[in-house]
Amino acid sequence: MDHIDRRERIRTILKQHARLSRDAGRLSEQDDLYEAGMSSHASVNVMLALESEFNLEFPDQMLNRSVFDSIGAIASAIEQLGVA
């Protein structure tokens, strides 16, 4: 899976689960998802959808706000977990 495809899959999940007040397709990789309207509750739904989409499990040490605060942070976490 290439870098662009992974980020598009993340954006699709954000559109479906993050309840953003802004279009996920227009966010930069560094835009703060919480400032864009994602609540803590929605972030849990995003995490579960990411785990399903990418067939992974986020370890406890990654379950913090900074891992899910931007598209870039999410993509980096997924890469750290070895998803190609």
C-alpha atoms as a PDB file:
ATOM      1  CA  MET A   1       0.000   0.000   0.000  1.00  0.00           C
ATOM      2  CA  ASP A   2       1.448   3.345  -0.876  1.00  0.00           C
ATOM      3  CA  HIS A   3       1.592   6.526   1.182  1.00  0.00           C
ATOM      4  CA  ILE A   4      -1.245   8.249  -0.732  1.00  0.00           C
ATOM      5  CA  ASP A   5      -3.607   5.262  -0.634  1.00  0.00           C
ATOM      6  CA  ARG A   6      -3.181   4.909   3.146  1.00  0.00           C
ATOM      7  CA  ARG A   7      -4.028   8.563   3.698  1.00  0.00           C
ATOM      8  CA  GLU A   8      -7.087   8.350   1.441  1.00  0.00           C
ATOM      9  CA  ARG A   9      -8.335   5.360   3.424  1.00  0.00           C
ATOM     10  CA  ILE A  10      -7.805   7.361   6.638  1.00  0.00           C
ATOM     11  CA  ARG A  11      -9.750  10.302   5.168  1.00  0.00           C
ATOM     12  CA  THR A  12     -12.629   7.981   4.232  1.00  0.00           C
ATOM     13  CA  ILE A  13     -12.776   6.673   7.798  1.00  0.00           C
ATOM     14  CA  LEU A  14     -12.720  10.217   9.140  1.00  0.00           C
ATOM     15  CA  LYS A  15     -15.613  11.176   6.854  1.00  0.00           C
ATOM     16  CA  GLN A  16     -17.614   8.203   8.120  1.00  0.00           C
ATOM     17  CA  HIS A  17     -16.780   8.253  11.845  1.00  0.00           C
ATOM     18  CA  ALA A  18     -15.136  11.473  13.072  1.00  0.00           C
ATOM     19  CA  ARG A  19     -18.195  13.766  12.889  1.00  0.00           C
ATOM     20  CA  LEU A  20     -16.013  16.628  11.718  1.00  0.00           C
ATOM     21  CA  SER A  21     -17.409  20.092  11.142  1.00  0.00           C
ATOM     22  CA  ARG A  22     -15.055  20.371   8.131  1.00  0.00           C
ATOM     23  CA  ASP A  23     -14.656  18.161   5.072  1.00  0.00           C
ATOM     24  CA  ALA A  24     -11.973  15.558   5.797  1.00  0.00           C
ATOM     25  CA  GLY A  25     -10.970  15.712   2.134  1.00  0.00           C
ATOM     26  CA  ARG A  26      -9.919  19.333   2.548  1.00  0.00           C
ATOM     27  CA  LEU A  27      -7.851  18.925   5.704  1.00  0.00           C
ATOM     28  CA  SER A  28      -4.080  19.028   5.514  1.00  0.00           C
ATOM     29  CA  GLU A  29      -2.108  16.188   7.037  1.00  0.00           C
ATOM     30  CA  GLN A  30      -1.260  18.403  10.017  1.00  0.00           C
ATOM     31  CA  ASP A  31      -4.697  19.949  10.686  1.00  0.00           C
ATOM     32  CA  ASP A  32      -5.902  19.214  14.215  1.00  0.00           C
ATOM     33  CA  LEU A  33      -8.863  16.832  13.977  1.00  0.00           C
ATOM     34  CA  TYR A  34     -10.134  17.865  17.408  1.00  0.00           C
ATOM     35  CA  GLU A  35     -10.191  21.523  16.321  1.00  0.00           C
ATOM     36  CA  ALA A  36     -12.047  20.334  13.203  1.00  0.00           C
ATOM     37  CA  GLY A  37     -14.805  18.954  15.427  1.00  0.00           C
ATOM     38  CA  MET A  38     -13.821  15.420  16.416  1.00  0.00           C
ATOM     39  CA  SER A  39     -14.868  14.561  19.976  1.00  0.00           C
ATOM     40  CA  SER A  40     -13.204  12.044  22.275  1.00  0.00           C
ATOM     41  CA  HIS A  41     -16.132   9.694  21.693  1.00  0.00           C
ATOM     42  CA  ALA A  42     -15.796  10.020  17.906  1.00  0.00           C
ATOM     43  CA  SER A  43     -12.052   9.338  18.181  1.00  0.00           C
ATOM     44  CA  VAL A  44     -12.849   5.929  19.701  1.00  0.00           C
ATOM     45  CA  ASN A  45     -15.086   5.157  16.711  1.00  0.00           C
ATOM     46  CA  VAL A  46     -12.298   6.306  14.375  1.00  0.00           C
ATOM     47  CA  MET A  47      -9.797   4.066  16.189  1.00  0.00           C
ATOM     48  CA  LEU A  48     -12.082   1.030  15.915  1.00  0.00           C
ATOM     49  CA  ALA A  49     -12.707   1.703  12.216  1.00  0.00           C
ATOM     50  CA  LEU A  50      -8.955   2.083  11.600  1.00  0.00           C
ATOM     51  CA  GLU A  51      -8.273  -1.212  13.356  1.00  0.00           C
ATOM     52  CA  SER A  52     -10.831  -2.931  11.160  1.00  0.00           C
ATOM     53  CA  GLU A  53      -9.751  -1.248   7.910  1.00  0.00           C
ATOM     54  CA  PHE A  54      -6.034  -1.873   8.374  1.00  0.00           C
ATOM     55  CA  ASN A  55      -6.342  -5.189  10.257  1.00  0.00           C
ATOM     56  CA  LEU A  56      -4.344  -4.007  13.266  1.00  0.00           C
ATOM     57  CA  GLU A  57      -4.707  -3.286  16.954  1.00  0.00           C
ATOM     58  CA  PHE A  58      -3.445  -0.121  18.577  1.00  0.00           C
ATOM     59  CA  PRO A  59      -1.445  -1.052  21.700  1.00  0.00           C
ATOM     60  CA  ASP A  60      -2.340   0.647  24.992  1.00  0.00           C
ATOM     61  CA  GLN A  61       0.641   3.006  24.817  1.00  0.00           C
ATOM     62  CA  MET A  62      -0.718   4.414  21.540  1.00  0.00           C
ATOM     63  CA  LEU A  63      -4.174   5.114  22.926  1.00  0.00           C
ATOM     64  CA  ASN A  64      -3.723   8.824  23.471  1.00  0.00           C
ATOM     65  CA  ARG A  65      -4.932  11.997  21.859  1.00  0.00           C
ATOM     66  CA  SER A  66      -1.678  12.780  20.032  1.00  0.00           C
ATOM     67  CA  VAL A  67      -1.865   9.559  17.964  1.00  0.00           C
ATOM     68  CA  PHE A  68      -5.267  10.568  16.580  1.00  0.00           C
ATOM     69  CA  ASP A  69      -4.931  14.354  16.360  1.00  0.00           C
ATOM     70  CA  SER A  70      -4.149  14.591  12.639  1.00  0.00           C
ATOM     71  CA  ILE A  71      -4.134  12.553   9.458  1.00  0.00           C
ATOM     72  CA  GLY A  72      -0.337  12.577   9.511  1.00  0.00           C
ATOM     73  CA  ALA A  73      -0.205  11.348  13.114  1.00  0.00           C
ATOM     74  CA  ILE A  74      -2.634   8.517  12.347  1.00  0.00           C
ATOM     75  CA  ALA A  75      -0.686   7.502   9.239  1.00  0.00           C
ATOM     76  CA  SER A  76       2.572   7.544  11.207  1.00  0.00           C
ATOM     77  CA  ALA A  77       1.080   5.328  13.925  1.00  0.00           C
ATOM     78  CA  ILE A  78      -0.177   2.856  11.335  1.00  0.00           C
ATOM     79  CA  GLU A  79       3.270   2.799   9.721  1.00  0.00           C
ATOM     80  CA  GLN A  80       4.904   2.195  13.137  1.00  0.00           C
ATOM     81  CA  LEU A  81       2.650  -0.821  13.570  1.00  0.00           C
ATOM     82  CA  GLY A  82       4.144  -2.289  10.430  1.00  0.00           C
ATOM     83  CA  VAL A  83       1.203  -1.930   8.069  1.00  0.00           C
ATOM     84  CA  ALA A  84       2.728  -1.687   4.620  1.00  0.00           C
END
